[in-house]
Amino acid sequence: MMKNVVLILIVLTGILSSCSKKESGVCYCSYFSGDRTHYDLKGLDKQKQIDSCNRLSELASGFAGSCKLKK
């Protein structure tokens, strides 16, 4: 019984973590409403990715949101 519970927890943890893996070069935004968006900036050089994601975060703040770049 205890082995089954542990096994289920391990499987659920693996499933949940695989769904939330973030990719490098992608700007992830979340909003107070619970909405989430992401912007693929992988085609830009690193500094442009940072600048673009910062600008997206500025725009998102008008909607009670913020953005972060996965480096």
PDB file of N, CA and C in Angstrom:
ATOM      1  N   MET A   1       0.827  -1.192   0.000  1.00  0.00           N
ATOM      2  CA  MET A   1       0.000   0.000   0.000  1.00  0.00           C
ATOM      3  C   MET A   1       0.874   1.259   0.000  1.00  0.00           C
ATOM      4  N   MET A   2       1.848   1.303   0.898  1.00  0.00           N
ATOM      5  CA  MET A   2       2.721   2.473   0.980  1.00  0.00           C
ATOM      6  C   MET A   2       3.564   2.609  -0.284  1.00  0.00           C
ATOM      7  N   LYS A   3       3.980   1.483  -0.855  1.00  0.00           N
ATOM      8  CA  LYS A   3       4.764   1.519  -2.083  1.00  0.00           C
ATOM      9  C   LYS A   3       3.932   2.099  -3.224  1.00  0.00           C
ATOM     10  N   ASN A   4       2.660   1.769  -3.262  1.00  0.00           N
ATOM     11  CA  ASN A   4       1.776   2.291  -4.311  1.00  0.00           C
ATOM     12  C   ASN A   4       1.621   3.799  -4.202  1.00  0.00           C
ATOM     13  N   VAL A   5       1.474   4.293  -2.994  1.00  0.00           N
ATOM     14  CA  VAL A   5       1.320   5.728  -2.780  1.00  0.00           C
ATOM     15  C   VAL A   5       2.589   6.454  -3.210  1.00  0.00           C
ATOM     16  N   VAL A   6       3.741   5.930  -2.823  1.00  0.00           N
ATOM     17  CA  VAL A   6       5.013   6.542  -3.195  1.00  0.00           C
ATOM     18  C   VAL A   6       5.183   6.527  -4.715  1.00  0.00           C
ATOM     19  N   LEU A   7       4.852   5.420  -5.347  1.00  0.00           N
ATOM     20  CA  LEU A   7       4.964   5.309  -6.795  1.00  0.00           C
ATOM     21  C   LEU A   7       4.052   6.312  -7.493  1.00  0.00           C
ATOM     22  N   ILE A   8       2.850   6.461  -7.024  1.00  0.00           N
ATOM     23  CA  ILE A   8       1.902   7.421  -7.611  1.00  0.00           C
ATOM     24  C   ILE A   8       2.440   8.836  -7.463  1.00  0.00           C
ATOM     25  N   LEU A   9       2.982   9.175  -6.309  1.00  0.00           N
ATOM     26  CA  LEU A   9       3.542  10.514  -6.098  1.00  0.00           C
ATOM     27  C   LEU A   9       4.720  10.785  -7.027  1.00  0.00           C
ATOM     28  N   ILE A  10       5.557   9.791  -7.223  1.00  0.00           N
ATOM     29  CA  ILE A  10       6.701   9.955  -8.120  1.00  0.00           C
ATOM     30  C   ILE A  10       6.227  10.181  -9.554  1.00  0.00           C
ATOM     31  N   VAL A  11       5.249   9.411  -9.993  1.00  0.00           N
ATOM     32  CA  VAL A  11       4.722   9.550 -11.353  1.00  0.00           C
ATOM     33  C   VAL A  11       4.073  10.922 -11.529  1.00  0.00           C
ATOM     34  N   LEU A  12       3.256  11.342 -10.575  1.00  0.00           N
ATOM     35  CA  LEU A  12       2.608  12.655 -10.670  1.00  0.00           C
ATOM     36  C   LEU A  12       3.620  13.786 -10.685  1.00  0.00           C
ATOM     37  N   THR A  13       4.655  13.686  -9.877  1.00  0.00           N
ATOM     38  CA  THR A  13       5.698  14.708  -9.858  1.00  0.00           C
ATOM     39  C   THR A  13       6.386  14.790 -11.213  1.00  0.00           C
ATOM     40  N   GLY A  14       6.670  13.645 -11.810  1.00  0.00           N
ATOM     41  CA  GLY A  14       7.293  13.622 -13.134  1.00  0.00           C
ATOM     42  C   GLY A  14       6.416  14.238 -14.198  1.00  0.00           C
ATOM     43  N   ILE A  15       5.140  13.940 -14.154  1.00  0.00           N
ATOM     44  CA  ILE A  15       4.195  14.482 -15.138  1.00  0.00           C
ATOM     45  C   ILE A  15       4.084  15.990 -14.990  1.00  0.00           C
ATOM     46  N   LEU A  16       3.916  16.459 -13.770  1.00  0.00           N
ATOM     47  CA  LEU A  16       3.762  17.894 -13.544  1.00  0.00           C
ATOM     48  C   LEU A  16       5.023  18.663 -13.898  1.00  0.00           C
ATOM     49  N   SER A  17       6.183  18.122 -13.585  1.00  0.00           N
ATOM     50  CA  SER A  17       7.419  18.839 -13.901  1.00  0.00           C
ATOM     51  C   SER A  17       7.688  18.840 -15.393  1.00  0.00           C
ATOM     52  N   SER A  18       7.299  17.803 -16.104  1.00  0.00           N
ATOM     53  CA  SER A  18       7.522  17.773 -17.546  1.00  0.00           C
ATOM     54  C   SER A  18       6.611  18.768 -18.260  1.00  0.00           C
ATOM     55  N   CYS A  19       5.478  19.077 -17.690  1.00  0.00           N
ATOM     56  CA  CYS A  19       4.558  20.026 -18.296  1.00  0.00           C
ATOM     57  C   CYS A  19       5.007  21.468 -18.099  1.00  0.00           C
ATOM     58  N   SER A  20       5.837  21.701 -17.102  1.00  0.00           N
ATOM     59  CA  SER A  20       6.204  23.069 -16.786  1.00  0.00           C
ATOM     60  C   SER A  20       7.652  23.398 -17.117  1.00  0.00           C
ATOM     61  N   LYS A  21       8.309  22.575 -17.920  1.00  0.00           N
ATOM     62  CA  LYS A  21       9.692  22.873 -18.296  1.00  0.00           C
ATOM     63  C   LYS A  21       9.705  24.100 -19.182  1.00  0.00           C
ATOM     64  N   LYS A  22      10.595  25.011 -18.856  1.00  0.00           N
ATOM     65  CA  LYS A  22      10.696  26.239 -19.627  1.00  0.00           C
ATOM     66  C   LYS A  22      11.921  26.175 -20.527  1.00  0.00           C
ATOM     67  N   GLU A  23      11.779  26.751 -21.713  1.00  0.00           N
ATOM     68  CA  GLU A  23      12.845  26.715 -22.699  1.00  0.00           C
ATOM     69  C   GLU A  23      13.677  27.991 -22.636  1.00  0.00           C
ATOM     70  N   SER A  24      14.966  27.836 -22.854  1.00  0.00           N
ATOM     71  CA  SER A  24      15.879  28.964 -22.906  1.00  0.00           C
ATOM     72  C   SER A  24      15.530  29.846 -24.108  1.00  0.00           C
ATOM     73  N   GLY A  25      15.555  31.169 -23.915  1.00  0.00           N
ATOM     74  CA  GLY A  25      15.265  32.099 -24.997  1.00  0.00           C
ATOM     75  C   GLY A  25      13.794  32.397 -25.173  1.00  0.00           C
ATOM     76  N   VAL A  26      12.975  31.957 -24.228  1.00  0.00           N
ATOM     77  CA  VAL A  26      11.533  32.200 -24.293  1.00  0.00           C
ATOM     78  C   VAL A  26      11.151  33.117 -23.135  1.00  0.00           C
ATOM     79  N   CYS A  27      10.352  34.127 -23.429  1.00  0.00           N
ATOM     80  CA  CYS A  27       9.879  35.074 -22.426  1.00  0.00           C
ATOM     81  C   CYS A  27       8.499  34.612 -21.952  1.00  0.00           C
ATOM     82  N   TYR A  28       8.402  34.275 -20.672  1.00  0.00           N
ATOM     83  CA  TYR A  28       7.161  33.778 -20.081  1.00  0.00           C
ATOM     84  C   TYR A  28       6.480  34.890 -19.285  1.00  0.00           C
ATOM     85  N   CYS A  29       5.202  35.120 -19.580  1.00  0.00           N
ATOM     86  CA  CYS A  29       4.435  36.169 -18.907  1.00  0.00           C
ATOM     87  C   CYS A  29       3.263  35.560 -18.151  1.00  0.00           C
ATOM     88  N   SER A  30       2.990  36.114 -16.986  1.00  0.00           N
ATOM     89  CA  SER A  30       1.811  35.691 -16.227  1.00  0.00           C
ATOM     90  C   SER A  30       1.096  36.932 -15.726  1.00  0.00           C
ATOM     91  N   TYR A  31      -0.200  36.806 -15.591  1.00  0.00           N
ATOM     92  CA  TYR A  31      -1.057  37.933 -15.246  1.00  0.00           C
ATOM     93  C   TYR A  31      -1.880  37.599 -14.009  1.00  0.00           C
ATOM     94  N   PHE A  32      -2.324  38.647 -13.324  1.00  0.00           N
ATOM     95  CA  PHE A  32      -3.118  38.497 -12.108  1.00  0.00           C
ATOM     96  C   PHE A  32      -4.360  37.645 -12.356  1.00  0.00           C
ATOM     97  N   SER A  33      -4.914  37.734 -13.544  1.00  0.00           N
ATOM     98  CA  SER A  33      -6.126  36.984 -13.887  1.00  0.00           C
ATOM     99  C   SER A  33      -5.874  35.481 -13.985  1.00  0.00           C
ATOM    100  N   GLY A  34      -4.587  35.100 -14.014  1.00  0.00           N
ATOM    101  CA  GLY A  34      -4.247  33.689 -14.147  1.00  0.00           C
ATOM    102  C   GLY A  34      -3.824  33.317 -15.564  1.00  0.00           C
ATOM    103  N   ASP A  35      -4.026  34.243 -16.494  1.00  0.00           N
ATOM    104  CA  ASP A  35      -3.610  33.989 -17.879  1.00  0.00           C
ATOM    105  C   ASP A  35      -2.092  33.918 -17.960  1.00  0.00           C
ATOM    106  N   ARG A  36      -1.611  33.145 -18.918  1.00  0.00           N
ATOM    107  CA  ARG A  36      -0.176  33.022 -19.161  1.00  0.00           C
ATOM    108  C   ARG A  36       0.073  33.048 -20.660  1.00  0.00           C
ATOM    109  N   THR A  37       1.157  33.695 -21.043  1.00  0.00           N
ATOM    110  CA  THR A  37       1.567  33.721 -22.438  1.00  0.00           C
ATOM    111  C   THR A  37       3.072  33.490 -22.496  1.00  0.00           C
ATOM    112  N   HIS A  38       3.558  33.185 -23.674  1.00  0.00           N
ATOM    113  CA  HIS A  38       4.999  33.069 -23.854  1.00  0.00           C
ATOM    114  C   HIS A  38       5.354  33.548 -25.255  1.00  0.00           C
ATOM    115  N   TYR A  39       6.561  34.089 -25.354  1.00  0.00           N
ATOM    116  CA  TYR A  39       7.045  34.644 -26.610  1.00  0.00           C
ATOM    117  C   TYR A  39       8.397  34.029 -26.916  1.00  0.00           C
ATOM    118  N   ASP A  40       8.499  33.418 -28.084  1.00  0.00           N
ATOM    119  CA  ASP A  40       9.732  32.772 -28.513  1.00  0.00           C
ATOM    120  C   ASP A  40      10.696  33.835 -29.037  1.00  0.00           C
ATOM    121  N   LEU A  41      11.758  34.077 -28.289  1.00  0.00           N
ATOM    122  CA  LEU A  41      12.751  35.081 -28.660  1.00  0.00           C
ATOM    123  C   LEU A  41      14.080  34.424 -29.033  1.00  0.00           C
ATOM    124  N   LYS A  42      14.054  33.126 -29.299  1.00  0.00           N
ATOM    125  CA  LYS A  42      15.293  32.376 -29.572  1.00  0.00           C
ATOM    126  C   LYS A  42      16.028  32.869 -30.814  1.00  0.00           C
ATOM    127  N   GLY A  43      15.340  33.519 -31.729  1.00  0.00           N
ATOM    128  CA  GLY A  43      15.970  34.018 -32.947  1.00  0.00           C
ATOM    129  C   GLY A  43      16.774  35.286 -32.743  1.00  0.00           C
ATOM    130  N   LEU A  44      16.696  35.868 -31.551  1.00  0.00           N
ATOM    131  CA  LEU A  44      17.412  37.109 -31.249  1.00  0.00           C
ATOM    132  C   LEU A  44      18.679  36.812 -30.468  1.00  0.00           C
ATOM    133  N   ASP A  45      19.645  37.751 -30.529  1.00  0.00           N
ATOM    134  CA  ASP A  45      20.830  37.567 -29.693  1.00  0.00           C
ATOM    135  C   ASP A  45      20.441  37.804 -28.233  1.00  0.00           C
ATOM    136  N   LYS A  46      21.295  37.394 -27.317  1.00  0.00           N
ATOM    137  CA  LYS A  46      20.975  37.386 -25.882  1.00  0.00           C
ATOM    138  C   LYS A  46      20.538  38.753 -25.366  1.00  0.00           C
ATOM    139  N   GLN A  47      21.240  39.826 -25.728  1.00  0.00           N
ATOM    140  CA  GLN A  47      20.881  41.159 -25.230  1.00  0.00           C
ATOM    141  C   GLN A  47      19.523  41.600 -25.760  1.00  0.00           C
ATOM    142  N   LYS A  48      19.233  41.298 -27.020  1.00  0.00           N
ATOM    143  CA  LYS A  48      17.919  41.637 -27.584  1.00  0.00           C
ATOM    144  C   LYS A  48      16.813  40.837 -26.905  1.00  0.00           C
ATOM    145  N   GLN A  49      17.090  39.585 -26.551  1.00  0.00           N
ATOM    146  CA  GLN A  49      16.114  38.785 -25.806  1.00  0.00           C
ATOM    147  C   GLN A  49      15.791  39.459 -24.481  1.00  0.00           C
ATOM    148  N   ILE A  50      16.825  39.877 -23.778  1.00  0.00           N
ATOM    149  CA  ILE A  50      16.646  40.529 -22.476  1.00  0.00           C
ATOM    150  C   ILE A  50      15.853  41.819 -22.638  1.00  0.00           C
ATOM    151  N   ASP A  51      16.261  42.664 -23.598  1.00  0.00           N
ATOM    152  CA  ASP A  51      15.569  43.935 -23.824  1.00  0.00           C
ATOM    153  C   ASP A  51      14.115  43.721 -24.230  1.00  0.00           C
ATOM    154  N   SER A  52      13.877  42.762 -25.115  1.00  0.00           N
ATOM    155  CA  SER A  52      12.513  42.504 -25.580  1.00  0.00           C
ATOM    156  C   SER A  52      11.623  41.987 -24.456  1.00  0.00           C
ATOM    157  N   CYS A  53      12.148  41.087 -23.647  1.00  0.00           N
ATOM    158  CA  CYS A  53      11.351  40.547 -22.548  1.00  0.00           C
ATOM    159  C   CYS A  53      11.082  41.628 -21.501  1.00  0.00           C
ATOM    160  N   ASN A  54      12.063  42.495 -21.254  1.00  0.00           N
ATOM    161  CA  ASN A  54      11.837  43.609 -20.327  1.00  0.00           C
ATOM    162  C   ASN A  54      10.731  44.520 -20.841  1.00  0.00           C
ATOM    163  N   ARG A  55      10.710  44.784 -22.144  1.00  0.00           N
ATOM    164  CA  ARG A  55       9.666  45.620 -22.745  1.00  0.00           C
ATOM    165  C   ARG A  55       8.303  44.930 -22.639  1.00  0.00           C
ATOM    166  N   LEU A  56       8.269  43.632 -22.902  1.00  0.00           N
ATOM    167  CA  LEU A  56       7.019  42.888 -22.750  1.00  0.00           C
ATOM    168  C   LEU A  56       6.530  42.942 -21.298  1.00  0.00           C
ATOM    169  N   SER A  57       7.452  42.899 -20.359  1.00  0.00           N
ATOM    170  CA  SER A  57       7.083  42.973 -18.948  1.00  0.00           C
ATOM    171  C   SER A  57       6.509  44.351 -18.610  1.00  0.00           C
ATOM    172  N   GLU A  58       7.093  45.399 -19.191  1.00  0.00           N
ATOM    173  CA  GLU A  58       6.551  46.747 -18.992  1.00  0.00           C
ATOM    174  C   GLU A  58       5.115  46.828 -19.501  1.00  0.00           C
ATOM    175  N   LEU A  59       4.887  46.269 -20.673  1.00  0.00           N
ATOM    176  CA  LEU A  59       3.539  46.288 -21.246  1.00  0.00           C
ATOM    177  C   LEU A  59       2.577  45.440 -20.410  1.00  0.00           C
ATOM    178  N   ALA A  60       3.046  44.302 -19.925  1.00  0.00           N
ATOM    179  CA  ALA A  60       2.203  43.409 -19.126  1.00  0.00           C
ATOM    180  C   ALA A  60       1.828  44.038 -17.791  1.00  0.00           C
ATOM    181  N   SER A  61       2.699  44.911 -17.279  1.00  0.00           N
ATOM    182  CA  SER A  61       2.409  45.528 -15.975  1.00  0.00           C
ATOM    183  C   SER A  61       1.132  46.359 -16.015  1.00  0.00           C
ATOM    184  N   GLY A  62       0.759  46.856 -17.192  1.00  0.00           N
ATOM    185  CA  GLY A  62      -0.498  47.583 -17.346  1.00  0.00           C
ATOM    186  C   GLY A  62      -1.714  46.688 -17.157  1.00  0.00           C
ATOM    187  N   PHE A  63      -1.490  45.379 -17.200  1.00  0.00           N
ATOM    188  CA  PHE A  63      -2.560  44.398 -17.016  1.00  0.00           C
ATOM    189  C   PHE A  63      -2.292  43.531 -15.789  1.00  0.00           C
ATOM    190  N   ALA A  64      -1.559  44.099 -14.827  1.00  0.00           N
ATOM    191  CA  ALA A  64      -1.196  43.404 -13.579  1.00  0.00           C
ATOM    192  C   ALA A  64      -0.457  42.101 -13.890  1.00  0.00           C
ATOM    193  N   GLY A  65       0.543  42.221 -14.770  1.00  0.00           N
ATOM    194  CA  GLY A  65       1.329  41.055 -15.143  1.00  0.00           C
ATOM    195  C   GLY A  65       2.811  41.349 -15.142  1.00  0.00           C
ATOM    196  N   SER A  66       3.583  40.306 -15.355  1.00  0.00           N
ATOM    197  CA  SER A  66       5.026  40.461 -15.468  1.00  0.00           C
ATOM    198  C   SER A  66       5.562  39.324 -16.337  1.00  0.00           C
ATOM    199  N   CYS A  67       6.754  39.554 -16.882  1.00  0.00           N
ATOM    200  CA  CYS A  67       7.382  38.584 -17.774  1.00  0.00           C
ATOM    201  C   CYS A  67       8.804  38.319 -17.316  1.00  0.00           C
ATOM    202  N   LYS A  68       9.244  37.089 -17.558  1.00  0.00           N
ATOM    203  CA  LYS A  68      10.611  36.701 -17.230  1.00  0.00           C
ATOM    204  C   LYS A  68      11.182  35.875 -18.367  1.00  0.00           C
ATOM    205  N   LEU A  69      12.443  36.146 -18.673  1.00  0.00           N
ATOM    206  CA  LEU A  69      13.142  35.420 -19.721  1.00  0.00           C
ATOM    207  C   LEU A  69      13.836  34.212 -19.110  1.00  0.00           C
ATOM    208  N   LYS A  70      13.622  33.061 -19.706  1.00  0.00           N
ATOM    209  CA  LYS A  70      14.348  31.865 -19.304  1.00  0.00           C
ATOM    210  C   LYS A  70      15.683  31.908 -20.031  1.00  0.00           C
ATOM    211  N   LYS A  71      16.771  32.022 -19.264  1.00  0.00           N
ATOM    212  CA  LYS A  71      18.111  32.151 -19.865  1.00  0.00           C
ATOM    213  C   LYS A  71      18.761  30.826 -20.077  1.00  0.00           C
TER     214      LYS A  71
END
